[in-house]
Amino acid sequence: MSDLIVIAYDDEFKAEEVRLTLAKLQVEHLIEMEDAAVVVKNEQGKVKLKQAVNLTSAGAVSGSFWGLLIGTLFLSPLFGAAVGAASGALAGALSDIGVNDDFMRELGESLKPKSSALFVLVRKVTPDKVLAEVAPYGGKVLKTSLSKDEETQLQEVLDRHGLPTV
């Protein structure tokens, strides 16, 4: 089972920096993430979601491959690739894995302008090593599925080592 952790940052770019740090730590097998997304609220108050994976593009690429393959069997590879790409893009756009987009937008609306939030679904983690890497960024814990004690400990680590929080 995955744990949801949402941390807010006082500038538009900090959440993306932390997401990139977590991606590096995932390569080192210190954390296993199911999903990681960033929500940014710009100066005008507009909320923008930045997903780790663009499902529409991934679906189009996968669909065009399979369409090309099937189209080749029926002597119409270009038509097969086009139909496959279209159906794959549609399937990718309709599928929503990880953190719910509506939930992220709703929570993003509560951010102050010129700030960001990181949404992470964590499967497994080596807490001491990961916290040592992300603590310097600071942040304010907005929501988690952690226990109250774990959530409090996480906020204390971010407060102790981090920069000023939101």
Protein backbone atom coordinates (compact mmCIF):
# COMPACT_ATOMS: atom_id res chain seq x y z
CA MET A 1 0.00 0.00 0.00
CA SER A 2 1.26 3.46 -0.89
CA ASP A 3 1.42 6.51 1.36
CA LEU A 4 0.34 9.92 0.08
CA ILE A 5 2.48 12.89 1.07
CA VAL A 6 1.70 16.47 -0.02
CA ILE A 7 4.22 19.21 0.81
CA ALA A 8 3.82 22.91 -0.06
CA TYR A 9 6.70 25.22 -0.92
CA ASP A 10 6.91 28.99 -0.94
CA ASP A 11 8.05 29.37 -4.54
CA GLU A 12 6.93 28.07 -7.91
CA PHE A 13 10.01 25.95 -8.60
CA LYS A 14 10.87 24.27 -5.28
CA ALA A 15 8.38 21.38 -5.62
CA GLU A 16 9.81 20.49 -9.03
CA GLU A 17 13.36 20.55 -7.59
CA VAL A 18 12.31 18.13 -4.85
CA ARG A 19 10.54 15.87 -7.39
CA LEU A 20 13.75 15.70 -9.43
CA THR A 21 15.71 14.89 -6.26
CA LEU A 22 13.26 12.08 -5.47
CA ALA A 23 13.58 10.77 -9.04
CA LYS A 24 17.36 10.61 -8.55
CA LEU A 25 16.86 8.77 -5.25
CA GLN A 26 14.52 6.34 -6.99
CA VAL A 27 17.29 5.46 -9.45
CA GLU A 28 19.47 4.75 -6.39
CA HIS A 29 16.68 2.47 -5.01
CA LEU A 30 16.23 4.58 -1.86
CA ILE A 31 12.58 5.32 -2.63
CA GLU A 32 9.94 3.64 -4.76
CA MET A 33 7.28 6.07 -5.96
CA GLU A 34 4.00 5.12 -7.54
CA ASP A 35 3.38 8.70 -8.65
CA ALA A 36 4.92 12.15 -8.22
CA ALA A 37 3.20 15.30 -9.46
CA VAL A 38 3.67 19.01 -8.94
CA VAL A 39 1.00 21.69 -8.66
CA VAL A 40 2.02 25.30 -9.27
CA LYS A 41 -0.08 28.35 -8.48
CA ASN A 42 1.30 31.24 -10.51
CA GLU A 43 1.29 34.96 -9.76
CA GLN A 44 -2.17 35.37 -11.30
CA GLY A 45 -3.55 32.55 -9.12
CA LYS A 46 -3.87 30.02 -11.95
CA VAL A 47 -3.27 26.39 -10.90
CA LYS A 48 -1.25 24.15 -13.22
CA LEU A 49 -0.61 20.41 -12.84
CA LYS A 50 2.72 18.93 -13.89
CA GLN A 51 2.47 15.14 -14.12
CA ALA A 52 5.55 12.94 -14.07
CA VAL A 53 4.18 10.95 -17.04
CA ASN A 54 2.10 12.33 -19.89
CA LEU A 55 -0.42 9.51 -20.38
CA THR A 56 -1.78 10.90 -23.66
CA SER A 57 1.67 10.90 -25.30
CA ALA A 58 2.57 7.48 -23.91
CA GLY A 59 -0.73 6.08 -25.17
CA ALA A 60 -0.21 7.56 -28.64
CA VAL A 61 3.27 6.07 -28.96
CA SER A 62 2.15 2.66 -27.75
CA GLY A 63 -0.98 2.73 -29.92
CA SER A 64 0.91 3.73 -33.05
CA PHE A 65 3.38 0.86 -32.54
CA TRP A 66 0.62 -1.72 -32.18
CA GLY A 67 -1.40 -0.13 -35.00
CA LEU A 68 1.63 -0.23 -37.30
CA LEU A 69 2.26 -3.87 -36.43
CA ILE A 70 -1.36 -4.91 -37.00
CA GLY A 71 -1.63 -2.68 -40.08
CA THR A 72 1.43 -4.38 -41.57
CA LEU A 73 -0.27 -7.74 -41.20
CA PHE A 74 -3.26 -6.44 -43.18
CA LEU A 75 -1.09 -4.56 -45.74
CA SER A 76 -2.02 -1.08 -44.51
CA PRO A 77 0.71 -0.01 -42.08
CA LEU A 78 0.14 3.77 -42.28
CA PHE A 79 -3.59 3.49 -41.69
CA GLY A 80 -2.94 1.07 -38.81
CA ALA A 81 -0.39 3.41 -37.23
CA ALA A 82 -2.76 6.39 -37.48
CA VAL A 83 -5.72 4.53 -36.00
CA GLY A 84 -3.48 3.01 -33.30
CA ALA A 85 -2.03 6.40 -32.35
CA ALA A 86 -5.47 7.98 -32.11
CA SER A 87 -6.95 5.18 -30.02
CA GLY A 88 -3.85 5.01 -27.81
CA ALA A 89 -3.93 8.78 -27.19
CA LEU A 90 -7.61 8.59 -26.30
CA ALA A 91 -7.04 5.68 -23.92
CA GLY A 92 -4.09 7.50 -22.31
CA ALA A 93 -6.10 10.69 -21.85
CA LEU A 94 -8.96 8.80 -20.21
CA SER A 95 -6.83 6.79 -17.80
CA ASP A 96 -5.83 8.42 -14.52
CA ILE A 97 -3.28 6.59 -12.43
CA GLY A 98 -1.75 7.75 -9.18
CA VAL A 99 -2.98 10.86 -7.38
CA ASN A 100 -6.40 12.07 -8.51
CA ASP A 101 -6.15 15.21 -10.70
CA ASP A 102 -9.28 16.81 -9.19
CA PHE A 103 -7.85 16.36 -5.69
CA MET A 104 -4.59 18.00 -6.79
CA ARG A 105 -6.40 20.97 -8.40
CA GLU A 106 -8.62 21.42 -5.32
CA LEU A 107 -5.65 21.44 -2.96
CA GLY A 108 -3.72 23.65 -5.41
CA GLU A 109 -6.45 26.29 -5.11
CA SER A 110 -5.65 26.60 -1.39
CA LEU A 111 -2.02 27.55 -2.12
CA LYS A 112 -0.99 31.17 -2.10
CA PRO A 113 0.11 32.69 -5.43
CA LYS A 114 3.70 32.06 -6.55
CA SER A 115 3.95 28.76 -4.66
CA SER A 116 3.93 25.05 -5.44
CA ALA A 117 3.13 21.67 -3.91
CA LEU A 118 4.56 18.21 -4.40
CA PHE A 119 2.20 15.21 -4.39
CA VAL A 120 3.97 11.87 -3.91
CA LEU A 121 2.61 8.34 -3.60
CA VAL A 122 5.38 6.37 -1.91
CA ARG A 123 5.44 2.55 -1.98
CA LYS A 124 8.73 1.99 -0.16
CA VAL A 125 11.32 4.31 1.32
CA THR A 126 14.57 4.38 3.25
CA PRO A 127 13.46 7.27 5.49
CA ASP A 128 16.76 8.46 6.97
CA LYS A 129 18.55 8.74 3.60
CA VAL A 130 15.62 10.27 1.72
CA LEU A 131 14.83 12.80 4.45
CA ALA A 132 18.47 13.88 4.55
CA GLU A 133 18.21 14.74 0.83
CA VAL A 134 14.84 16.54 0.86
CA ALA A 135 14.96 18.25 4.28
CA PRO A 136 17.11 21.19 3.08
CA TYR A 137 14.23 22.27 0.81
CA GLY A 138 11.95 22.78 3.82
CA GLY A 139 8.23 22.91 3.12
CA LYS A 140 4.94 22.56 4.93
CA VAL A 141 3.12 19.23 5.13
CA LEU A 142 -0.40 19.79 3.77
CA LYS A 143 -1.83 16.27 3.69
CA THR A 144 -0.61 12.73 4.26
CA SER A 145 -1.92 9.24 4.79
CA LEU A 146 0.78 8.78 7.44
CA SER A 147 -0.04 8.39 11.12
CA LYS A 148 -0.23 11.61 13.16
CA ASP A 149 3.12 10.81 14.79
CA GLU A 150 4.86 10.18 11.45
CA GLU A 151 3.35 13.34 9.99
CA THR A 152 4.53 15.39 12.97
CA GLN A 153 8.03 13.90 12.71
CA LEU A 154 8.16 14.70 8.99
CA GLN A 155 7.17 18.34 9.61
CA GLU A 156 9.75 18.64 12.40
CA VAL A 157 12.51 17.41 10.09
CA LEU A 158 11.46 19.86 7.37
CA ASP A 159 11.26 22.74 9.87
CA ARG A 160 14.64 21.96 11.45
CA HIS A 161 16.63 21.64 8.24
CA GLY A 162 14.60 23.58 5.74
CA LEU A 163 14.34 27.09 4.52
CA PRO A 164 11.39 29.27 5.58
CA THR A 165 8.10 27.50 4.88
CA VAL A 166 4.82 28.59 3.35
